[in-house]
Amino acid sequence: MSYAWPRYPPCASDPCTSRECCGQNRYNTIWPNLIGVHVDEAKEIIMNDNPLVNVVFLPQGGEALEIFCCNRVCIFMDENYLVRKVPVVG
């Protein structure tokens, strides 16, 4: 089954509660290869891999957003704007 979530915000996930469900067996939901990549390039890769998500930038060491969202990927970046944590849907 395929779902069409609105752009984040607002948060959307229903009926999913896992990244696997959010990817609908068609889209990436995790990007371990983006560690060390500049955030602009990382965002472009994520948006091309999964058109259902929006990217949110957060500082390294920042708090993850507690509400699970199928239409959001957080990128944790350092002071040089490099990805420092594996980006995942949620």
Protein backbone atom coordinates (compact mmCIF):
# COMPACT_ATOMS: atom_id res chain seq x y z
CA MET A 1 0.00 0.00 0.00
CA SER A 2 1.26 3.49 -0.75
CA TYR A 3 0.79 6.60 1.36
CA ALA A 4 1.13 10.23 0.38
CA TRP A 5 2.22 12.35 3.33
CA PRO A 6 2.16 16.14 3.28
CA ARG A 7 5.47 17.99 3.34
CA TYR A 8 6.97 18.38 6.82
CA PRO A 9 5.78 20.23 8.80
CA PRO A 10 3.27 18.99 9.77
CA CYS A 11 4.53 15.65 10.95
CA ALA A 12 2.91 12.68 9.21
CA SER A 13 3.28 8.96 9.80
CA ASP A 14 -0.12 7.33 10.10
CA PRO A 15 -0.32 4.34 9.87
CA CYS A 16 3.47 3.76 10.08
CA THR A 17 5.53 3.43 13.25
CA SER A 18 8.83 2.31 11.69
CA ARG A 19 11.31 3.59 9.11
CA GLU A 20 10.76 0.46 7.02
CA CYS A 21 7.06 1.23 6.72
CA CYS A 22 7.80 4.86 5.86
CA GLY A 23 9.95 3.81 2.91
CA GLN A 24 7.05 1.84 1.45
CA ASN A 25 9.57 -0.70 0.09
CA ARG A 26 10.46 1.89 -2.57
CA TYR A 27 12.50 4.63 -0.93
CA ASN A 28 15.63 4.86 1.20
CA THR A 29 15.08 5.58 4.88
CA ILE A 30 18.69 5.57 6.10
CA TRP A 31 21.86 7.09 4.61
CA PRO A 32 25.03 5.80 6.35
CA ASN A 33 27.12 6.83 3.33
CA LEU A 34 26.53 10.54 4.05
CA ILE A 35 28.76 10.79 7.14
CA GLY A 36 31.33 13.52 6.40
CA VAL A 37 29.43 14.88 3.38
CA HIS A 38 28.55 18.59 3.18
CA VAL A 39 24.94 19.18 4.27
CA ASP A 40 23.87 20.72 0.95
CA GLU A 41 25.03 17.65 -0.98
CA ALA A 42 23.51 15.34 1.67
CA LYS A 43 20.14 17.09 1.42
CA GLU A 44 20.13 16.79 -2.36
CA ILE A 45 20.95 13.05 -2.17
CA ILE A 46 18.25 12.43 0.44
CA MET A 47 15.60 14.36 -1.48
CA ASN A 48 16.46 12.47 -4.69
CA ASP A 49 16.41 9.11 -2.88
CA ASN A 50 13.13 9.76 -1.06
CA PRO A 51 10.78 12.44 -2.43
CA LEU A 52 8.39 11.93 0.51
CA VAL A 53 10.66 13.67 3.05
CA ASN A 54 11.90 17.10 4.01
CA VAL A 55 15.29 17.63 5.61
CA VAL A 56 15.78 19.39 8.95
CA PHE A 57 19.27 20.58 9.95
CA LEU A 58 20.34 20.26 13.60
CA PRO A 59 23.66 21.01 15.32
CA GLN A 60 25.93 18.13 16.27
CA GLY A 61 25.06 17.12 19.82
CA GLY A 62 21.59 18.61 19.44
CA GLU A 63 18.52 16.78 20.61
CA ALA A 64 16.68 14.54 18.19
CA LEU A 65 13.07 15.49 17.69
CA GLU A 66 10.93 13.14 19.80
CA ILE A 67 7.93 12.79 17.51
CA PHE A 68 8.36 10.11 14.82
CA CYS A 69 7.60 11.45 11.33
CA CYS A 70 7.71 9.57 8.02
CA ASN A 71 8.15 12.83 6.16
CA ARG A 72 11.24 14.12 8.02
CA VAL A 73 14.97 13.39 8.00
CA CYS A 74 17.21 15.14 10.54
CA ILE A 75 20.77 15.94 9.52
CA PHE A 76 23.12 16.51 12.46
CA MET A 77 25.97 18.74 11.30
CA ASP A 78 29.20 20.07 12.74
CA GLU A 79 30.59 23.61 12.59
CA ASN A 80 31.93 22.91 9.07
CA TYR A 81 28.47 21.90 7.82
CA LEU A 82 29.45 18.24 7.49
CA VAL A 83 27.06 15.39 8.38
CA ARG A 84 28.10 13.86 11.72
CA LYS A 85 25.32 11.34 12.42
CA VAL A 86 23.66 8.85 10.07
CA PRO A 87 20.55 10.54 8.63
CA VAL A 88 17.39 8.47 9.04
CA VAL A 89 13.68 8.96 8.43
CA GLY A 90 11.83 9.69 11.62
